[in-house]
């Protein structure tokens, strides 16, 4: 009933204003637009999968609580008062946890709201921005949403700018994709340059390392040559002494 009242009030308002000057009016079908935006479909599928996971968790916990209640009811006659109170307390705790999870997942500012805002809001904003730009460019005075709460008793197809909005969104997507590709190429070039620069530094370090190793090897050979020379000198002196001691 409220929708019809709103429609009548709106039509009367537009009629009254139109009597004063010509108004440019258009409308969109938000559901049709969103269904044809791939990013929205992907976001909605991700959200639905998450919601299904949460609902399964809540259903499992709820069934577990019902089992506890049934068991308590069946065994109450043979349980002590303390055991009954203990089980009842356990059921109460689990019920509180279930309510907490329900609020956490589906509360006013719960996970579903936050995830929907994160996944879907950017796409909706993209649609609204496209509508604003088209309305401004074509000088529309009103742009209505056919799939919204407003009841449109009649709508002339020539005033439907849904495809125009979709076209604008697709152009923005292509521009953004091209921009990202250019940015990716720039990053690739930068990364390549960094890799080459890093390779140069590694090569320089390796060259320095090889040079030091060669110097160490030369020094080692020099020391070994001197040691062998000293050994030879001692052997010759020993030989001379032995010859002098001979009768």
C-alpha atoms as a PDB file:
ATOM      1  CA  UNK A   1       0.000   0.000   0.000  1.00  0.00           C
ATOM      2  CA  UNK A   2       2.831   2.374   0.872  1.00  0.00           C
ATOM      3  CA  UNK A   3       4.404   1.717  -2.527  1.00  0.00           C
ATOM      4  CA  UNK A   4       1.200   2.725  -4.333  1.00  0.00           C
ATOM      5  CA  UNK A   5       0.867   5.870  -2.224  1.00  0.00           C
ATOM      6  CA  UNK A   6       4.487   6.737  -2.979  1.00  0.00           C
ATOM      7  CA  UNK A   7       3.869   6.166  -6.683  1.00  0.00           C
ATOM      8  CA  UNK A   8       0.802   8.400  -6.691  1.00  0.00           C
ATOM      9  CA  UNK A   9       2.603  11.151  -4.774  1.00  0.00           C
ATOM     10  CA  UNK A  10       5.561  10.945  -7.143  1.00  0.00           C
ATOM     11  CA  UNK A  11       3.368  11.024 -10.248  1.00  0.00           C
ATOM     12  CA  UNK A  12       1.438  14.001  -8.891  1.00  0.00           C
ATOM     13  CA  UNK A  13       4.704  15.781  -8.078  1.00  0.00           C
ATOM     14  CA  UNK A  14       6.138  15.132 -11.528  1.00  0.00           C
ATOM     15  CA  UNK A  15       2.865  16.206 -13.160  1.00  0.00           C
ATOM     16  CA  UNK A  16       2.815  19.409 -11.138  1.00  0.00           C
ATOM     17  CA  UNK A  17       6.406  20.220 -11.970  1.00  0.00           C
ATOM     18  CA  UNK A  18       5.897  19.309 -15.622  1.00  0.00           C
ATOM     19  CA  UNK A  19       3.163  21.888 -15.805  1.00  0.00           C
ATOM     20  CA  UNK A  20       5.770  24.517 -15.082  1.00  0.00           C
ATOM     21  CA  UNK A  21       8.558  23.268 -17.369  1.00  0.00           C
ATOM     22  CA  UNK A  22       9.533  20.266 -19.470  1.00  0.00           C
ATOM     23  CA  UNK A  23      11.272  17.572 -17.439  1.00  0.00           C
ATOM     24  CA  UNK A  24      13.726  14.954 -18.734  1.00  0.00           C
ATOM     25  CA  UNK A  25      13.058  11.626 -17.060  1.00  0.00           C
ATOM     26  CA  UNK A  26      14.806   8.252 -17.351  1.00  0.00           C
ATOM     27  CA  UNK A  27      14.875   4.995 -15.464  1.00  0.00           C
ATOM     28  CA  UNK A  28      17.140   2.007 -14.949  1.00  0.00           C
ATOM     29  CA  UNK A  29      16.646  -1.624 -14.007  1.00  0.00           C
ATOM     30  CA  UNK A  30      19.264  -2.090 -11.286  1.00  0.00           C
ATOM     31  CA  UNK A  31      18.781  -5.864 -11.118  1.00  0.00           C
ATOM     32  CA  UNK A  32      19.311  -6.194 -14.881  1.00  0.00           C
ATOM     33  CA  UNK A  33      22.452  -4.038 -14.735  1.00  0.00           C
ATOM     34  CA  UNK A  34      23.993  -5.878 -11.783  1.00  0.00           C
ATOM     35  CA  UNK A  35      23.256  -9.284 -13.309  1.00  0.00           C
ATOM     36  CA  UNK A  36      25.274  -8.237 -16.354  1.00  0.00           C
ATOM     37  CA  UNK A  37      28.291  -6.988 -14.417  1.00  0.00           C
ATOM     38  CA  UNK A  38      30.669  -9.974 -13.980  1.00  0.00           C
ATOM     39  CA  UNK A  39      32.282  -8.485 -10.867  1.00  0.00           C
ATOM     40  CA  UNK A  40      28.880  -8.303  -9.159  1.00  0.00           C
ATOM     41  CA  UNK A  41      28.054 -11.922 -10.017  1.00  0.00           C
ATOM     42  CA  UNK A  42      31.415 -13.083  -8.659  1.00  0.00           C
ATOM     43  CA  UNK A  43      30.964 -11.021  -5.506  1.00  0.00           C
ATOM     44  CA  UNK A  44      27.423 -12.330  -4.991  1.00  0.00           C
ATOM     45  CA  UNK A  45      28.579 -15.934  -5.442  1.00  0.00           C
ATOM     46  CA  UNK A  46      31.359 -15.414  -2.891  1.00  0.00           C
ATOM     47  CA  UNK A  47      28.886 -13.887  -0.451  1.00  0.00           C
ATOM     48  CA  UNK A  48      26.343 -16.675  -0.965  1.00  0.00           C
ATOM     49  CA  UNK A  49      29.005 -19.334  -0.359  1.00  0.00           C
ATOM     50  CA  UNK A  50      30.053 -17.641   2.864  1.00  0.00           C
ATOM     51  CA  UNK A  51      26.442 -17.228   4.040  1.00  0.00           C
ATOM     52  CA  UNK A  52      25.725 -20.902   3.328  1.00  0.00           C
ATOM     53  CA  UNK A  53      28.787 -21.880   5.388  1.00  0.00           C
ATOM     54  CA  UNK A  54      27.600 -19.727   8.299  1.00  0.00           C
ATOM     55  CA  UNK A  55      24.053 -21.102   8.141  1.00  0.00           C
ATOM     56  CA  UNK A  56      25.351 -24.683   8.109  1.00  0.00           C
ATOM     57  CA  UNK A  57      27.421 -23.899  11.202  1.00  0.00           C
ATOM     58  CA  UNK A  58      24.388 -22.443  12.996  1.00  0.00           C
ATOM     59  CA  UNK A  59      22.124 -25.333  11.938  1.00  0.00           C
ATOM     60  CA  UNK A  60      24.680 -27.862  13.182  1.00  0.00           C
ATOM     61  CA  UNK A  61      24.953 -26.117  16.560  1.00  0.00           C
ATOM     62  CA  UNK A  62      21.156 -25.826  16.827  1.00  0.00           C
ATOM     63  CA  UNK A  63      20.731 -29.559  16.135  1.00  0.00           C
ATOM     64  CA  UNK A  64      23.395 -30.322  18.738  1.00  0.00           C
ATOM     65  CA  UNK A  65      21.448 -28.310  21.328  1.00  0.00           C
ATOM     66  CA  UNK A  66      18.211 -30.112  20.447  1.00  0.00           C
ATOM     67  CA  UNK A  67      19.974 -33.460  20.953  1.00  0.00           C
ATOM     68  CA  UNK A  68      21.139 -32.320  24.399  1.00  0.00           C
ATOM     69  CA  UNK A  69      17.599 -31.241  25.297  1.00  0.00           C
ATOM     70  CA  UNK A  70      16.142 -34.548  24.125  1.00  0.00           C
ATOM     71  CA  UNK A  71      18.747 -36.575  26.027  1.00  0.00           C
ATOM     72  CA  UNK A  72      18.120 -34.560  29.166  1.00  0.00           C
ATOM     73  CA  UNK A  73      14.378 -35.025  28.865  1.00  0.00           C
ATOM     74  CA  UNK A  74      14.743 -38.789  28.382  1.00  0.00           C
ATOM     75  CA  UNK A  75      17.240 -39.256  31.212  1.00  0.00           C
ATOM     76  CA  UNK A  76      15.926 -36.712  33.689  1.00  0.00           C
ATOM     77  CA  UNK A  77      14.215 -39.343  35.820  1.00  0.00           C
ATOM     78  CA  UNK A  78      17.463 -41.198  36.555  1.00  0.00           C
ATOM     79  CA  UNK A  79      19.723 -38.169  37.023  1.00  0.00           C
ATOM     80  CA  UNK A  80      20.582 -36.425  40.249  1.00  0.00           C
ATOM     81  CA  UNK A  81      19.635 -32.812  40.798  1.00  0.00           C
ATOM     82  CA  UNK A  82      23.252 -31.709  40.411  1.00  0.00           C
ATOM     83  CA  UNK A  83      23.637 -33.527  37.089  1.00  0.00           C
ATOM     84  CA  UNK A  84      20.376 -32.049  35.807  1.00  0.00           C
ATOM     85  CA  UNK A  85      21.496 -28.530  36.736  1.00  0.00           C
ATOM     86  CA  UNK A  86      24.889 -29.168  35.152  1.00  0.00           C
ATOM     87  CA  UNK A  87      23.325 -30.272  31.857  1.00  0.00           C
ATOM     88  CA  UNK A  88      20.835 -27.408  31.866  1.00  0.00           C
ATOM     89  CA  UNK A  89      23.663 -24.980  32.419  1.00  0.00           C
ATOM     90  CA  UNK A  90      25.582 -26.545  29.523  1.00  0.00           C
ATOM     91  CA  UNK A  91      22.528 -26.176  27.263  1.00  0.00           C
ATOM     92  CA  UNK A  92      22.107 -22.540  28.334  1.00  0.00           C
ATOM     93  CA  UNK A  93      25.761 -21.784  27.564  1.00  0.00           C
ATOM     94  CA  UNK A  94      25.470 -23.361  24.120  1.00  0.00           C
ATOM     95  CA  UNK A  95      22.258 -21.453  23.396  1.00  0.00           C
ATOM     96  CA  UNK A  96      23.958 -18.201  24.336  1.00  0.00           C
ATOM     97  CA  UNK A  97      26.871 -19.058  22.061  1.00  0.00           C
ATOM     98  CA  UNK A  98      24.433 -19.825  19.236  1.00  0.00           C
ATOM     99  CA  UNK A  99      22.749 -16.437  19.663  1.00  0.00           C
ATOM    100  CA  UNK A 100      26.147 -14.779  19.763  1.00  0.00           C
ATOM    101  CA  UNK A 101      27.147 -16.427  16.482  1.00  0.00           C
ATOM    102  CA  UNK A 102      23.821 -15.479  14.865  1.00  0.00           C
ATOM    103  CA  UNK A 103      24.423 -11.864  15.823  1.00  0.00           C
ATOM    104  CA  UNK A 104      28.047 -12.067  14.714  1.00  0.00           C
ATOM    105  CA  UNK A 105      27.132 -13.446  11.292  1.00  0.00           C
ATOM    106  CA  UNK A 106      23.786 -11.789  10.524  1.00  0.00           C
ATOM    107  CA  UNK A 107      23.476  -8.877  12.954  1.00  0.00           C
ATOM    108  CA  UNK A 108      23.040  -5.233  11.810  1.00  0.00           C
ATOM    109  CA  UNK A 109      26.803  -4.780  11.581  1.00  0.00           C
ATOM    110  CA  UNK A 110      27.669  -8.461  11.371  1.00  0.00           C
ATOM    111  CA  UNK A 111      29.995 -10.341   9.083  1.00  0.00           C
ATOM    112  CA  UNK A 112      27.419 -10.637   6.291  1.00  0.00           C
ATOM    113  CA  UNK A 113      26.857  -6.875   6.255  1.00  0.00           C
ATOM    114  CA  UNK A 114      30.583  -6.167   6.300  1.00  0.00           C
ATOM    115  CA  UNK A 115      31.344  -8.747   3.606  1.00  0.00           C
ATOM    116  CA  UNK A 116      28.491  -7.515   1.419  1.00  0.00           C
ATOM    117  CA  UNK A 117      29.799  -3.998   1.795  1.00  0.00           C
ATOM    118  CA  UNK A 118      33.300  -5.154   0.943  1.00  0.00           C
ATOM    119  CA  UNK A 119      32.348  -7.269  -2.077  1.00  0.00           C
ATOM    120  CA  UNK A 120      29.216  -5.699  -3.547  1.00  0.00           C
ATOM    121  CA  UNK A 121      29.271  -2.049  -2.505  1.00  0.00           C
ATOM    122  CA  UNK A 122      32.109  -1.131  -4.926  1.00  0.00           C
ATOM    123  CA  UNK A 123      30.096  -2.521  -7.867  1.00  0.00           C
ATOM    124  CA  UNK A 124      26.951  -0.683  -6.767  1.00  0.00           C
ATOM    125  CA  UNK A 125      28.979   2.511  -6.394  1.00  0.00           C
ATOM    126  CA  UNK A 126      30.256   1.973  -9.926  1.00  0.00           C
ATOM    127  CA  UNK A 127      26.653   1.776 -11.171  1.00  0.00           C
ATOM    128  CA  UNK A 128      25.612   4.886  -9.239  1.00  0.00           C
ATOM    129  CA  UNK A 129      28.580   6.841 -10.583  1.00  0.00           C
ATOM    130  CA  UNK A 130      27.712   5.816 -14.149  1.00  0.00           C
ATOM    131  CA  UNK A 131      24.099   6.914 -13.604  1.00  0.00           C
ATOM    132  CA  UNK A 132      25.248  10.248 -12.176  1.00  0.00           C
ATOM    133  CA  UNK A 133      27.569  10.892 -15.124  1.00  0.00           C
ATOM    134  CA  UNK A 134      24.928   9.983 -17.717  1.00  0.00           C
ATOM    135  CA  UNK A 135      22.243  12.035 -15.945  1.00  0.00           C
ATOM    136  CA  UNK A 136      24.583  15.005 -15.781  1.00  0.00           C
ATOM    137  CA  UNK A 137      25.696  14.659 -19.414  1.00  0.00           C
ATOM    138  CA  UNK A 138      22.188  14.162 -20.821  1.00  0.00           C
ATOM    139  CA  UNK A 139      20.624  16.617 -18.365  1.00  0.00           C
ATOM    140  CA  UNK A 140      18.046  14.262 -16.862  1.00  0.00           C
ATOM    141  CA  UNK A 141      15.986  15.734 -14.060  1.00  0.00           C
ATOM    142  CA  UNK A 142      14.962  12.345 -12.630  1.00  0.00           C
ATOM    143  CA  UNK A 143      16.393   8.824 -12.906  1.00  0.00           C
ATOM    144  CA  UNK A 144      14.291   6.118 -11.244  1.00  0.00           C
ATOM    145  CA  UNK A 145      15.143   2.525 -10.408  1.00  0.00           C
ATOM    146  CA  UNK A 146      12.550   0.201 -11.914  1.00  0.00           C
ATOM    147  CA  UNK A 147      13.569  -2.698  -9.680  1.00  0.00           C
ATOM    148  CA  UNK A 148      13.434  -0.614  -6.499  1.00  0.00           C
ATOM    149  CA  UNK A 149      10.583   0.035  -4.074  1.00  0.00           C
ATOM    150  CA  UNK A 150       8.985   2.504  -6.440  1.00  0.00           C
ATOM    151  CA  UNK A 151       6.075   0.917  -8.355  1.00  0.00           C
ATOM    152  CA  UNK A 152       6.129   1.989 -12.001  1.00  0.00           C
ATOM    153  CA  UNK A 153       2.673   1.344 -13.439  1.00  0.00           C
ATOM    154  CA  UNK A 154       3.957   2.117 -16.927  1.00  0.00           C
ATOM    155  CA  UNK A 155       7.411   2.751 -18.369  1.00  0.00           C
ATOM    156  CA  UNK A 156       8.265   3.609 -21.939  1.00  0.00           C
ATOM    157  CA  UNK A 157      11.281   1.618 -23.105  1.00  0.00           C
ATOM    158  CA  UNK A 158      12.794   4.684 -24.743  1.00  0.00           C
ATOM    159  CA  UNK A 159      13.392   6.122 -21.281  1.00  0.00           C
ATOM    160  CA  UNK A 160      15.276   3.010 -20.126  1.00  0.00           C
ATOM    161  CA  UNK A 161      18.986   3.853 -19.911  1.00  0.00           C
ATOM    162  CA  UNK A 162      20.058   0.540 -18.345  1.00  0.00           C
ATOM    163  CA  UNK A 163      22.038  -0.531 -21.427  1.00  0.00           C
ATOM    164  CA  UNK A 164      23.636   2.896 -21.567  1.00  0.00           C
ATOM    165  CA  UNK A 165      24.743   2.500 -17.947  1.00  0.00           C
ATOM    166  CA  UNK A 166      26.093  -0.977 -18.710  1.00  0.00           C
ATOM    167  CA  UNK A 167      28.018   0.395 -21.673  1.00  0.00           C
ATOM    168  CA  UNK A 168      29.534   3.118 -19.492  1.00  0.00           C
ATOM    169  CA  UNK A 169      30.508   0.543 -16.854  1.00  0.00           C
ATOM    170  CA  UNK A 170      32.106  -1.728 -19.458  1.00  0.00           C
ATOM    171  CA  UNK A 171      34.093   1.230 -20.802  1.00  0.00           C
ATOM    172  CA  UNK A 172      35.291   2.014 -17.279  1.00  0.00           C
ATOM    173  CA  UNK A 173      36.211  -1.653 -16.766  1.00  0.00           C
ATOM    174  CA  UNK A 174      38.205  -1.698 -20.011  1.00  0.00           C
ATOM    175  CA  UNK A 175      39.965   1.530 -19.047  1.00  0.00           C
ATOM    176  CA  UNK A 176      40.771   0.156 -15.613  1.00  0.00           C
ATOM    177  CA  UNK A 177      41.965  -3.146 -17.108  1.00  0.00           C
ATOM    178  CA  UNK A 178      44.174  -1.305 -19.586  1.00  0.00           C
ATOM    179  CA  UNK A 179      45.516   0.891 -16.806  1.00  0.00           C
ATOM    180  CA  UNK A 180      46.307  -2.168 -14.693  1.00  0.00           C
ATOM    181  CA  UNK A 181      48.009  -3.850 -17.655  1.00  0.00           C
ATOM    182  CA  UNK A 182      50.158  -0.771 -18.271  1.00  0.00           C
ATOM    183  CA  UNK A 183      50.982  -0.593 -14.576  1.00  0.00           C
ATOM    184  CA  UNK A 184      51.830  -4.303 -14.581  1.00  0.00           C
ATOM    185  CA  UNK A 185      54.168  -3.803 -17.548  1.00  0.00           C
ATOM    186  CA  UNK A 186      55.834  -0.887 -15.783  1.00  0.00           C
ATOM    187  CA  UNK A 187      56.262  -2.956 -12.661  1.00  0.00           C
ATOM    188  CA  UNK A 188      57.612  -5.820 -14.762  1.00  0.00           C
ATOM    189  CA  UNK A 189      60.172  -3.480 -16.344  1.00  0.00           C
ATOM    190  CA  UNK A 190      61.113  -2.074 -12.949  1.00  0.00           C
ATOM    191  CA  UNK A 191      61.381  -5.565 -11.504  1.00  0.00           C
ATOM    192  CA  UNK A 192      63.473  -6.642 -14.472  1.00  0.00           C
ATOM    193  CA  UNK A 193      65.758  -3.651 -14.040  1.00  0.00           C
ATOM    194  CA  UNK A 194      66.039  -4.382 -10.353  1.00  0.00           C
ATOM    195  CA  UNK A 195      66.811  -8.010 -11.141  1.00  0.00           C
ATOM    196  CA  UNK A 196      69.497  -7.016 -13.606  1.00  0.00           C
ATOM    197  CA  UNK A 197      70.924  -4.549 -11.115  1.00  0.00           C
ATOM    198  CA  UNK A 198      70.855  -7.191  -8.423  1.00  0.00           C
ATOM    199  CA  UNK A 199      72.546  -9.604 -10.817  1.00  0.00           C
ATOM    200  CA  UNK A 200      75.241  -7.050 -11.506  1.00  0.00           C
ATOM    201  CA  UNK A 201      75.849  -6.676  -7.797  1.00  0.00           C
ATOM    202  CA  UNK A 202      75.951 -10.432  -7.385  1.00  0.00           C
ATOM    203  CA  UNK A 203      78.394 -10.726 -10.293  1.00  0.00           C
ATOM    204  CA  UNK A 204      80.572  -7.998  -8.774  1.00  0.00           C
ATOM    205  CA  UNK A 205      80.530  -9.762  -5.411  1.00  0.00           C
ATOM    206  CA  UNK A 206      81.402 -13.066  -7.070  1.00  0.00           C
ATOM    207  CA  UNK A 207      84.246 -11.439  -9.009  1.00  0.00           C
ATOM    208  CA  UNK A 208      85.608  -9.913  -5.820  1.00  0.00           C
ATOM    209  CA  UNK A 209      85.227 -13.237  -4.055  1.00  0.00           C
ATOM    210  CA  UNK A 210      87.072 -15.044  -6.873  1.00  0.00           C
ATOM    211  CA  UNK A 211      89.812 -12.436  -6.823  1.00  0.00           C
ATOM    212  CA  UNK A 212      90.272 -12.797  -3.073  1.00  0.00           C
ATOM    213  CA  UNK A 213      90.308 -16.568  -3.445  1.00  0.00           C
ATOM    214  CA  UNK A 214      92.969 -16.320  -6.121  1.00  0.00           C
ATOM    215  CA  UNK A 215      95.013 -14.012  -3.901  1.00  0.00           C
ATOM    216  CA  UNK A 216      94.653 -16.416  -0.988  1.00  0.00           C
ATOM    217  CA  UNK A 217      95.676 -19.323  -3.217  1.00  0.00           C
ATOM    218  CA  UNK A 218      98.699 -17.401  -4.498  1.00  0.00           C
ATOM    219  CA  UNK A 219      99.652 -16.513  -0.929  1.00  0.00           C
ATOM    220  CA  UNK A 220      99.230 -20.141   0.109  1.00  0.00           C
ATOM    221  CA  UNK A 221     101.420 -21.312  -2.765  1.00  0.00           C
ATOM    222  CA  UNK A 222     104.003 -18.690  -1.862  1.00  0.00           C
ATOM    223  CA  UNK A 223     104.050 -19.840   1.771  1.00  0.00           C
ATOM    224  CA  UNK A 224     104.241 -23.473   0.668  1.00  0.00           C
ATOM    225  CA  UNK A 225     107.142 -22.669  -1.665  1.00  0.00           C
ATOM    226  CA  UNK A 226     109.007 -20.941   1.174  1.00  0.00           C
ATOM    227  CA  UNK A 227     108.307 -23.882   3.487  1.00  0.00           C
ATOM    228  CA  UNK A 228     109.605 -26.350   0.911  1.00  0.00           C
ATOM    229  CA  UNK A 229     112.673 -24.135   0.419  1.00  0.00           C
ATOM    230  CA  UNK A 230     113.356 -24.149   4.178  1.00  0.00           C
ATOM    231  CA  UNK A 231     112.915 -27.918   4.318  1.00  0.00           C
ATOM    232  CA  UNK A 232     115.329 -28.321   1.438  1.00  0.00           C
ATOM    233  CA  UNK A 233     117.795 -25.981   3.102  1.00  0.00           C
ATOM    234  CA  UNK A 234     117.618 -27.958   6.374  1.00  0.00           C
ATOM    235  CA  UNK A 235     118.061 -31.244   4.524  1.00  0.00           C
ATOM    236  CA  UNK A 236     121.146 -29.926   2.765  1.00  0.00           C
ATOM    237  CA  UNK A 237     122.634 -28.650   6.041  1.00  0.00           C
ATOM    238  CA  UNK A 238     121.937 -31.993   7.716  1.00  0.00           C
ATOM    239  CA  UNK A 239     123.568 -33.762   4.807  1.00  0.00           C
ATOM    240  CA  UNK A 240     126.671 -31.577   5.090  1.00  0.00           C
ATOM    241  CA  UNK A 241     126.916 -32.209   8.842  1.00  0.00           C
ATOM    242  CA  UNK A 242     126.614 -35.941   8.320  1.00  0.00           C
ATOM    243  CA  UNK A 243     129.383 -35.864   5.698  1.00  0.00           C
ATOM    244  CA  UNK A 244     131.683 -33.882   8.041  1.00  0.00           C
ATOM    245  CA  UNK A 245     131.136 -36.417  10.833  1.00  0.00           C
ATOM    246  CA  UNK A 246     132.237 -39.271   8.648  1.00  0.00           C
ATOM    247  CA  UNK A 247     135.817 -40.499   9.504  1.00  0.00           C
END
